[in-house]
PDB file of all heavy atoms in Angstrom:
ATOM      1  N   VAL A   1       5.748  -1.260  -3.446  1.00  0.00           N
ATOM      2  CA  VAL A   1       7.207  -1.334  -3.631  1.00  0.00           C
ATOM      3  C   VAL A   1       7.597  -2.752  -4.050  1.00  0.00           C
ATOM      4  O   VAL A   1       8.368  -2.943  -5.008  1.00  0.00           O
ATOM      5  CB  VAL A   1       7.952  -0.904  -2.349  1.00  0.00           C
ATOM      6  CG1 VAL A   1       9.450  -1.180  -2.473  1.00  0.00           C
ATOM      7  CG2 VAL A   1       7.708   0.570  -2.042  1.00  0.00           C
ATOM      8  N   ASN A   2       7.067  -3.751  -3.361  1.00  0.00           N
ATOM      9  CA  ASN A   2       7.370  -5.142  -3.701  1.00  0.00           C
ATOM     10  C   ASN A   2       6.904  -5.491  -5.106  1.00  0.00           C
ATOM     11  O   ASN A   2       7.574  -6.239  -5.828  1.00  0.00           O
ATOM     12  CB  ASN A   2       6.754  -6.089  -2.671  1.00  0.00           C
ATOM     13  CG  ASN A   2       7.399  -5.963  -1.304  1.00  0.00           C
ATOM     14  OD1 ASN A   2       8.523  -5.484  -1.187  1.00  0.00           O
ATOM     15  ND2 ASN A   2       6.689  -6.370  -0.279  1.00  0.00           N
ATOM     16  N   GLN A   3       5.751  -4.935  -5.507  1.00  0.00           N
ATOM     17  CA  GLN A   3       5.236  -5.188  -6.856  1.00  0.00           C
ATOM     18  C   GLN A   3       6.150  -4.598  -7.926  1.00  0.00           C
ATOM     19  O   GLN A   3       6.389  -5.217  -8.960  1.00  0.00           O
ATOM     20  CB  GLN A   3       3.828  -4.574  -7.004  1.00  0.00           C
ATOM     21  CG  GLN A   3       2.750  -5.587  -7.258  1.00  0.00           C
ATOM     22  CD  GLN A   3       1.427  -4.884  -7.525  1.00  0.00           C
ATOM     23  OE1 GLN A   3       0.910  -4.178  -6.663  1.00  0.00           O
ATOM     24  NE2 GLN A   3       0.883  -5.076  -8.702  1.00  0.00           N
ATOM     25  N   VAL A   4       6.661  -3.401  -7.679  1.00  0.00           N
ATOM     26  CA  VAL A   4       7.576  -2.767  -8.637  1.00  0.00           C
ATOM     27  C   VAL A   4       8.819  -3.629  -8.821  1.00  0.00           C
ATOM     28  O   VAL A   4       9.268  -3.865  -9.946  1.00  0.00           O
ATOM     29  CB  VAL A   4       7.956  -1.338  -8.174  1.00  0.00           C
ATOM     30  CG1 VAL A   4       9.159  -0.809  -8.943  1.00  0.00           C
ATOM     31  CG2 VAL A   4       6.773  -0.397  -8.371  1.00  0.00           C
ATOM     32  N   ILE A   5       9.372  -4.120  -7.722  1.00  0.00           N
ATOM     33  CA  ILE A   5      10.567  -4.978  -7.798  1.00  0.00           C
ATOM     34  C   ILE A   5      10.251  -6.247  -8.587  1.00  0.00           C
ATOM     35  O   ILE A   5      11.033  -6.669  -9.452  1.00  0.00           O
ATOM     36  CB  ILE A   5      11.084  -5.299  -6.382  1.00  0.00           C
ATOM     37  CG1 ILE A   5      11.590  -4.020  -5.697  1.00  0.00           C
ATOM     38  CG2 ILE A   5      12.195  -6.346  -6.431  1.00  0.00           C
ATOM     39  CD1 ILE A   5      11.843  -4.160  -4.202  1.00  0.00           C
ATOM     40  N   ALA A   6       9.101  -6.853  -8.314  1.00  0.00           N
ATOM     41  CA  ALA A   6       8.716  -8.084  -9.015  1.00  0.00           C
ATOM     42  C   ALA A   6       8.458  -7.834 -10.497  1.00  0.00           C
ATOM     43  O   ALA A   6       8.856  -8.634 -11.353  1.00  0.00           O
ATOM     44  CB  ALA A   6       7.483  -8.688  -8.354  1.00  0.00           C
ATOM     45  N   MET A   7       7.797  -6.715 -10.823  1.00  0.00           N
ATOM     46  CA  MET A   7       7.541  -6.402 -12.240  1.00  0.00           C
ATOM     47  C   MET A   7       8.847  -6.160 -12.985  1.00  0.00           C
ATOM     48  O   MET A   7       9.012  -6.613 -14.117  1.00  0.00           O
ATOM     49  CB  MET A   7       6.620  -5.180 -12.363  1.00  0.00           C
ATOM     50  CG  MET A   7       5.172  -5.476 -12.058  1.00  0.00           C
ATOM     51  SD  MET A   7       4.067  -4.096 -12.485  1.00  0.00           S
ATOM     52  CE  MET A   7       4.495  -2.900 -11.226  1.00  0.00           C
ATOM     53  N   ALA A   8       9.766  -5.455 -12.354  1.00  0.00           N
ATOM     54  CA  ALA A   8      11.059  -5.214 -12.984  1.00  0.00           C
ATOM     55  C   ALA A   8      11.762  -6.539 -13.248  1.00  0.00           C
ATOM     56  O   ALA A   8      12.271  -6.791 -14.356  1.00  0.00           O
ATOM     57  CB  ALA A   8      11.916  -4.306 -12.104  1.00  0.00           C
ATOM     58  N   ALA A   9      11.779  -7.414 -12.254  1.00  0.00           N
ATOM     59  CA  ALA A   9      12.444  -8.708 -12.400  1.00  0.00           C
ATOM     60  C   ALA A   9      11.802  -9.536 -13.507  1.00  0.00           C
ATOM     61  O   ALA A   9      12.499 -10.247 -14.244  1.00  0.00           O
ATOM     62  CB  ALA A   9      12.408  -9.470 -11.080  1.00  0.00           C
ATOM     63  N   ALA A  10      10.495  -9.446 -13.647  1.00  0.00           N
ATOM     64  CA  ALA A  10       9.800 -10.207 -14.697  1.00  0.00           C
ATOM     65  C   ALA A  10      10.260  -9.776 -16.085  1.00  0.00           C
ATOM     66  O   ALA A  10      10.165 -10.547 -17.043  1.00  0.00           O
ATOM     67  CB  ALA A  10       8.292 -10.041 -14.551  1.00  0.00           C
ATOM     68  N   HIS A  11      10.773  -8.551 -16.188  1.00  0.00           N
ATOM     69  CA  HIS A  11      11.305  -8.053 -17.465  1.00  0.00           C
ATOM     70  C   HIS A  11      12.826  -8.201 -17.545  1.00  0.00           C
ATOM     71  O   HIS A  11      13.442  -7.759 -18.516  1.00  0.00           O
ATOM     72  CB  HIS A  11      10.924  -6.587 -17.658  1.00  0.00           C
ATOM     73  CG  HIS A  11       9.474  -6.379 -17.959  1.00  0.00           C
ATOM     74  ND1 HIS A  11       8.924  -6.641 -19.195  1.00  0.00           N
ATOM     75  CD2 HIS A  11       8.455  -5.961 -17.174  1.00  0.00           C
ATOM     76  CE1 HIS A  11       7.624  -6.370 -19.166  1.00  0.00           C
ATOM     77  NE2 HIS A  11       7.321  -5.965 -17.947  1.00  0.00           N
ATOM     78  N   GLY A  12      13.440  -8.793 -16.528  1.00  0.00           N
ATOM     79  CA  GLY A  12      14.895  -8.937 -16.522  1.00  0.00           C
ATOM     80  C   GLY A  12      15.622  -7.683 -16.087  1.00  0.00           C
ATOM     81  O   GLY A  12      16.814  -7.531 -16.347  1.00  0.00           O
ATOM     82  N   LEU A  13      14.922  -6.779 -15.424  1.00  0.00           N
ATOM     83  CA  LEU A  13      15.524  -5.531 -14.945  1.00  0.00           C
ATOM     84  C   LEU A  13      15.867  -5.645 -13.465  1.00  0.00           C
ATOM     85  O   LEU A  13      15.052  -6.108 -12.668  1.00  0.00           O
ATOM     86  CB  LEU A  13      14.546  -4.366 -15.114  1.00  0.00           C
ATOM     87  CG  LEU A  13      14.146  -3.973 -16.528  1.00  0.00           C
ATOM     88  CD1 LEU A  13      12.965  -3.004 -16.486  1.00  0.00           C
ATOM     89  CD2 LEU A  13      15.320  -3.345 -17.262  1.00  0.00           C
ATOM     90  N   GLN A  14      17.061  -5.205 -13.111  1.00  0.00           N
ATOM     91  CA  GLN A  14      17.375  -5.026 -11.709  1.00  0.00           C
ATOM     92  C   GLN A  14      16.868  -3.659 -11.272  1.00  0.00           C
ATOM     93  O   GLN A  14      16.583  -2.785 -12.106  1.00  0.00           O
ATOM     94  CB  GLN A  14      18.875  -5.120 -11.467  1.00  0.00           C
ATOM     95  CG  GLN A  14      19.411  -6.538 -11.510  1.00  0.00           C
ATOM     96  CD  GLN A  14      20.860  -6.566 -11.066  1.00  0.00           C
ATOM     97  OE1 GLN A  14      21.723  -6.070 -11.768  1.00  0.00           O
ATOM     98  NE2 GLN A  14      21.112  -7.143  -9.901  1.00  0.00           N
ATOM     99  N   VAL A  15      16.762  -3.461  -9.969  1.00  0.00           N
ATOM    100  CA  VAL A  15      16.233  -2.217  -9.418  1.00  0.00           C
ATOM    101  C   VAL A  15      17.290  -1.533  -8.564  1.00  0.00           C
ATOM    102  O   VAL A  15      17.943  -2.172  -7.749  1.00  0.00           O
ATOM    103  CB  VAL A  15      14.972  -2.487  -8.571  1.00  0.00           C
ATOM    104  CG1 VAL A  15      14.469  -1.200  -7.915  1.00  0.00           C
ATOM    105  CG2 VAL A  15      13.876  -3.113  -9.429  1.00  0.00           C
ATOM    106  N   GLN A  16      17.461  -0.232  -8.799  1.00  0.00           N
ATOM    107  CA  GLN A  16      18.198   0.612  -7.864  1.00  0.00           C
ATOM    108  C   GLN A  16      17.148   1.260  -6.977  1.00  0.00           C
ATOM    109  O   GLN A  16      16.295   2.006  -7.466  1.00  0.00           O
ATOM    110  CB  GLN A  16      18.996   1.702  -8.562  1.00  0.00           C
ATOM    111  CG  GLN A  16      19.613   2.680  -7.554  1.00  0.00           C
ATOM    112  CD  GLN A  16      19.927   4.034  -8.130  1.00  0.00           C
ATOM    113  OE1 GLN A  16      20.206   4.167  -9.318  1.00  0.00           O
ATOM    114  NE2 GLN A  16      19.881   5.058  -7.289  1.00  0.00           N
ATOM    115  N   LEU A  17      17.173   0.986  -5.706  1.00  0.00           N
ATOM    116  CA  LEU A  17      16.253   1.618  -4.765  1.00  0.00           C
ATOM    117  C   LEU A  17      16.918   2.865  -4.186  1.00  0.00           C
ATOM    118  O   LEU A  17      18.008   2.772  -3.613  1.00  0.00           O
ATOM    119  CB  LEU A  17      15.896   0.666  -3.626  1.00  0.00           C
ATOM    120  CG  LEU A  17      14.993  -0.509  -3.959  1.00  0.00           C
ATOM    121  CD1 LEU A  17      14.814  -1.393  -2.730  1.00  0.00           C
ATOM    122  CD2 LEU A  17      13.637  -0.031  -4.464  1.00  0.00           C
ATOM    123  N   THR A  18      16.283   4.005  -4.352  1.00  0.00           N
ATOM    124  CA  THR A  18      16.758   5.235  -3.724  1.00  0.00           C
ATOM    125  C   THR A  18      15.823   5.549  -2.568  1.00  0.00           C
ATOM    126  O   THR A  18      14.625   5.770  -2.771  1.00  0.00           O
ATOM    127  CB  THR A  18      16.785   6.394  -4.729  1.00  0.00           C
ATOM    128  OG1 THR A  18      17.744   6.092  -5.748  1.00  0.00           O
ATOM    129  CG2 THR A  18      17.177   7.698  -4.053  1.00  0.00           C
ATOM    130  N   LEU A  19      16.365   5.529  -1.366  1.00  0.00           N
ATOM    131  CA  LEU A  19      15.575   5.717  -0.154  1.00  0.00           C
ATOM    132  C   LEU A  19      15.617   7.161   0.325  1.00  0.00           C
ATOM    133  O   LEU A  19      16.430   7.970  -0.136  1.00  0.00           O
ATOM    134  CB  LEU A  19      16.124   4.810   0.954  1.00  0.00           C
ATOM    135  CG  LEU A  19      16.345   3.343   0.603  1.00  0.00           C
ATOM    136  CD1 LEU A  19      16.964   2.609   1.790  1.00  0.00           C
ATOM    137  CD2 LEU A  19      15.052   2.685   0.173  1.00  0.00           C
ATOM    138  N   PHE A  20      14.759   7.485   1.255  1.00  0.00           N
ATOM    139  CA  PHE A  20      14.755   8.769   1.961  1.00  0.00           C
ATOM    140  C   PHE A  20      14.762   9.966   1.006  1.00  0.00           C
ATOM    141  O   PHE A  20      15.421  10.981   1.263  1.00  0.00           O
ATOM    142  CB  PHE A  20      15.941   8.855   2.936  1.00  0.00           C
ATOM    143  CG  PHE A  20      15.832   7.909   4.106  1.00  0.00           C
ATOM    144  CD1 PHE A  20      16.588   6.742   4.124  1.00  0.00           C
ATOM    145  CD2 PHE A  20      14.975   8.167   5.155  1.00  0.00           C
ATOM    146  CE1 PHE A  20      16.496   5.857   5.196  1.00  0.00           C
ATOM    147  CE2 PHE A  20      14.877   7.284   6.221  1.00  0.00           C
ATOM    148  CZ  PHE A  20      15.639   6.123   6.240  1.00  0.00           C
ATOM    149  N   ASP A  21      14.035   9.861  -0.099  1.00  0.00           N
ATOM    150  CA  ASP A  21      13.931  10.996  -1.022  1.00  0.00           C
ATOM    151  C   ASP A  21      12.982  12.036  -0.417  1.00  0.00           C
ATOM    152  O   ASP A  21      11.990  11.692   0.215  1.00  0.00           O
ATOM    153  CB  ASP A  21      13.399  10.506  -2.380  1.00  0.00           C
ATOM    154  CG  ASP A  21      13.510  11.560  -3.456  1.00  0.00           C
ATOM    155  OD1 ASP A  21      14.483  12.348  -3.431  1.00  0.00           O
ATOM    156  OD2 ASP A  21      12.625  11.616  -4.328  1.00  0.00           O
ATOM    157  N   TRP A  22      13.305  13.313  -0.616  1.00  0.00           N
ATOM    158  CA  TRP A  22      12.509  14.430  -0.094  1.00  0.00           C
ATOM    159  C   TRP A  22      12.300  14.302   1.415  1.00  0.00           C
ATOM    160  O   TRP A  22      11.201  14.458   1.932  1.00  0.00           O
ATOM    161  CB  TRP A  22      11.154  14.527  -0.799  1.00  0.00           C
ATOM    162  CG  TRP A  22      11.212  14.993  -2.205  1.00  0.00           C
ATOM    163  CD1 TRP A  22      12.318  15.258  -2.953  1.00  0.00           C
ATOM    164  CD2 TRP A  22      10.097  15.250  -3.049  1.00  0.00           C
ATOM    165  NE1 TRP A  22      11.964  15.660  -4.205  1.00  0.00           N
ATOM    166  CE2 TRP A  22      10.596  15.668  -4.294  1.00  0.00           C
ATOM    167  CE3 TRP A  22       8.727  15.161  -2.886  1.00  0.00           C
ATOM    168  CZ2 TRP A  22       9.777  16.010  -5.361  1.00  0.00           C
ATOM    169  CZ3 TRP A  22       7.911  15.497  -3.946  1.00  0.00           C
ATOM    170  CH2 TRP A  22       8.430  15.919  -5.166  1.00  0.00           C
ATOM    171  N   TRP A  23      13.352  14.059   2.130  1.00  0.00           N
ATOM    172  CA  TRP A  23      13.270  13.797   3.570  1.00  0.00           C
ATOM    173  C   TRP A  23      14.478  14.415   4.247  1.00  0.00           C
ATOM    174  O   TRP A  23      15.551  14.487   3.667  1.00  0.00           O
ATOM    175  CB  TRP A  23      13.251  12.276   3.781  1.00  0.00           C
ATOM    176  CG  TRP A  23      13.182  11.821   5.190  1.00  0.00           C
ATOM    177  CD1 TRP A  23      12.055  11.568   5.915  1.00  0.00           C
ATOM    178  CD2 TRP A  23      14.287  11.558   6.058  1.00  0.00           C
ATOM    179  NE1 TRP A  23      12.394  11.161   7.180  1.00  0.00           N
ATOM    180  CE2 TRP A  23      13.764  11.143   7.298  1.00  0.00           C
ATOM    181  CE3 TRP A  23      15.665  11.629   5.914  1.00  0.00           C
ATOM    182  CZ2 TRP A  23      14.563  10.814   8.378  1.00  0.00           C
ATOM    183  CZ3 TRP A  23      16.466  11.298   6.983  1.00  0.00           C
ATOM    184  CH2 TRP A  23      15.921  10.894   8.208  1.00  0.00           C
ATOM    185  N   GLY A  24      14.316  14.872   5.483  1.00  0.00           N
ATOM    186  CA  GLY A  24      15.447  15.486   6.166  1.00  0.00           C
ATOM    187  C   GLY A  24      15.365  15.478   7.678  1.00  0.00           C
ATOM    188  O   GLY A  24      15.953  16.335   8.327  1.00  0.00           O
ATOM    189  N   SER A  25      14.663  14.513   8.268  1.00  0.00           N
ATOM    190  CA  SER A  25      14.552  14.429   9.732  1.00  0.00           C
ATOM    191  C   SER A  25      15.770  13.716  10.301  1.00  0.00           C
ATOM    192  O   SER A  25      15.676  12.632  10.883  1.00  0.00           O
ATOM    193  CB  SER A  25      13.265  13.694  10.121  1.00  0.00           C
ATOM    194  OG  SER A  25      12.141  14.396   9.661  1.00  0.00           O
ATOM    195  N   TYR A  26      16.934  14.342  10.127  1.00  0.00           N
ATOM    196  CA  TYR A  26      18.200  13.672  10.403  1.00  0.00           C
ATOM    197  C   TYR A  26      18.433  13.333  11.874  1.00  0.00           C
ATOM    198  O   TYR A  26      19.229  12.456  12.185  1.00  0.00           O
ATOM    199  CB  TYR A  26      19.360  14.513   9.881  1.00  0.00           C
ATOM    200  CG  TYR A  26      19.362  14.657   8.377  1.00  0.00           C
ATOM    201  CD1 TYR A  26      19.315  15.902   7.774  1.00  0.00           C
ATOM    202  CD2 TYR A  26      19.397  13.531   7.556  1.00  0.00           C
ATOM    203  CE1 TYR A  26      19.325  16.030   6.387  1.00  0.00           C
ATOM    204  CE2 TYR A  26      19.394  13.652   6.184  1.00  0.00           C
ATOM    205  CZ  TYR A  26      19.356  14.907   5.605  1.00  0.00           C
ATOM    206  OH  TYR A  26      19.351  15.021   4.241  1.00  0.00           O
ATOM    207  N   SER A  27      17.740  13.982  12.779  1.00  0.00           N
ATOM    208  CA  SER A  27      17.947  13.674  14.200  1.00  0.00           C
ATOM    209  C   SER A  27      17.181  12.424  14.637  1.00  0.00           C
ATOM    210  O   SER A  27      17.448  11.881  15.711  1.00  0.00           O
ATOM    211  CB  SER A  27      17.533  14.870  15.066  1.00  0.00           C
ATOM    212  OG  SER A  27      16.140  15.129  14.903  1.00  0.00           O
ATOM    213  N   ASP A  28      16.280  11.951  13.812  1.00  0.00           N
ATOM    214  CA  ASP A  28      15.424  10.816  14.193  1.00  0.00           C
ATOM    215  C   ASP A  28      15.978   9.505  13.634  1.00  0.00           C
ATOM    216  O   ASP A  28      15.390   8.888  12.740  1.00  0.00           O
ATOM    217  CB  ASP A  28      13.997  11.066  13.702  1.00  0.00           C
ATOM    218  CG  ASP A  28      12.993  10.097  14.306  1.00  0.00           C
ATOM    219  OD1 ASP A  28      13.419   9.183  15.051  1.00  0.00           O
ATOM    220  OD2 ASP A  28      11.790  10.239  14.020  1.00  0.00           O
ATOM    221  N   THR A  29      17.105   9.073  14.166  1.00  0.00           N
ATOM    222  CA  THR A  29      17.715   7.836  13.661  1.00  0.00           C
ATOM    223  C   THR A  29      16.903   6.598  14.042  1.00  0.00           C
ATOM    224  O   THR A  29      16.888   5.617  13.306  1.00  0.00           O
ATOM    225  CB  THR A  29      19.165   7.680  14.166  1.00  0.00           C
ATOM    226  OG1 THR A  29      19.173   7.762  15.589  1.00  0.00           O
ATOM    227  CG2 THR A  29      20.069   8.756  13.581  1.00  0.00           C
ATOM    228  N   ALA A  30      16.216   6.642  15.166  1.00  0.00           N
ATOM    229  CA  ALA A  30      15.428   5.471  15.582  1.00  0.00           C
ATOM    230  C   ALA A  30      14.314   5.195  14.574  1.00  0.00           C
ATOM    231  O   ALA A  30      14.104   4.046  14.160  1.00  0.00           O
ATOM    232  CB  ALA A  30      14.846   5.689  16.976  1.00  0.00           C
ATOM    233  N   SER A  31      13.607   6.236  14.141  1.00  0.00           N
ATOM    234  CA  SER A  31      12.552   6.045  13.137  1.00  0.00           C
ATOM    235  C   SER A  31      13.150   5.665  11.787  1.00  0.00           C
ATOM    236  O   SER A  31      12.569   4.854  11.058  1.00  0.00           O
ATOM    237  CB  SER A  31      11.706   7.314  13.000  1.00  0.00           C
ATOM    238  OG  SER A  31      10.962   7.540  14.181  1.00  0.00           O
ATOM    239  N   SER A  32      14.301   6.232  11.451  1.00  0.00           N
ATOM    240  CA  SER A  32      14.979   5.868  10.206  1.00  0.00           C
ATOM    241  C   SER A  32      15.297   4.382  10.194  1.00  0.00           C
ATOM    242  O   SER A  32      15.079   3.687   9.191  1.00  0.00           O
ATOM    243  CB  SER A  32      16.279   6.662  10.035  1.00  0.00           C
ATOM    244  OG  SER A  32      16.040   8.034  10.001  1.00  0.00           O
ATOM    245  N   ASP A  33      15.799   3.885  11.315  1.00  0.00           N
ATOM    246  CA  ASP A  33      16.136   2.464  11.424  1.00  0.00           C
ATOM    247  C   ASP A  33      14.891   1.589  11.246  1.00  0.00           C
ATOM    248  O   ASP A  33      14.927   0.572  10.545  1.00  0.00           O
ATOM    249  CB  ASP A  33      16.779   2.160  12.777  1.00  0.00           C
ATOM    250  CG  ASP A  33      18.147   2.807  12.957  1.00  0.00           C
ATOM    251  OD1 ASP A  33      18.689   3.360  11.973  1.00  0.00           O
ATOM    252  OD2 ASP A  33      18.673   2.750  14.081  1.00  0.00           O
ATOM    253  N   ARG A  34      13.799   1.978  11.892  1.00  0.00           N
ATOM    254  CA  ARG A  34      12.560   1.197  11.778  1.00  0.00           C
ATOM    255  C   ARG A  34      12.045   1.207  10.349  1.00  0.00           C
ATOM    256  O   ARG A  34      11.589   0.187   9.831  1.00  0.00           O
ATOM    257  CB  ARG A  34      11.487   1.746  12.739  1.00  0.00           C
ATOM    258  CG  ARG A  34      11.713   1.371  14.197  1.00  0.00           C
ATOM    259  CD  ARG A  34      10.493   1.664  15.051  1.00  0.00           C
ATOM    260  NE  ARG A  34      10.158   3.077  15.103  1.00  0.00           N
ATOM    261  CZ  ARG A  34      10.687   3.949  15.961  1.00  0.00           C
ATOM    262  NH1 ARG A  34      11.590   3.550  16.842  1.00  0.00           N
ATOM    263  NH2 ARG A  34      10.313   5.216  15.939  1.00  0.00           N
ATOM    264  N   TRP A  35      12.130   2.353   9.691  1.00  0.00           N
ATOM    265  CA  TRP A  35      11.601   2.492   8.333  1.00  0.00           C
ATOM    266  C   TRP A  35      12.382   1.619   7.354  1.00  0.00           C
ATOM    267  O   TRP A  35      11.793   0.881   6.573  1.00  0.00           O
ATOM    268  CB  TRP A  35      11.641   3.962   7.919  1.00  0.00           C
ATOM    269  CG  TRP A  35      10.932   4.270   6.651  1.00  0.00           C
ATOM    270  CD1 TRP A  35       9.577   4.406   6.475  1.00  0.00           C
ATOM    271  CD2 TRP A  35      11.525   4.518   5.374  1.00  0.00           C
ATOM    272  NE1 TRP A  35       9.294   4.713   5.164  1.00  0.00           N
ATOM    273  CE2 TRP A  35      10.474   4.792   4.465  1.00  0.00           C
ATOM    274  CE3 TRP A  35      12.838   4.547   4.902  1.00  0.00           C
ATOM    275  CZ2 TRP A  35      10.698   5.084   3.121  1.00  0.00           C
ATOM    276  CZ3 TRP A  35      13.061   4.840   3.574  1.00  0.00           C
ATOM    277  CH2 TRP A  35      12.004   5.098   2.694  1.00  0.00           C
ATOM    278  N   VAL A  36      13.715   1.693   7.408  1.00  0.00           N
ATOM    279  CA  VAL A  36      14.506   0.876   6.476  1.00  0.00           C
ATOM    280  C   VAL A  36      14.380  -0.608   6.794  1.00  0.00           C
ATOM    281  O   VAL A  36      14.388  -1.440   5.891  1.00  0.00           O
ATOM    282  CB  VAL A  36      16.002   1.280   6.390  1.00  0.00           C
ATOM    283  CG1 VAL A  36      16.167   2.654   5.790  1.00  0.00           C
ATOM    284  CG2 VAL A  36      16.705   1.163   7.722  1.00  0.00           C
TER     285      VAL A  36
END
């Protein structure tokens, strides 16, 4: 993930990060917090 951000920046591109794709464990906020 860090490499993708750095490669994009090297080309002058900003990154939109989309998190929690294909995910739905909505009751587990503690793990969500740790992950982000």
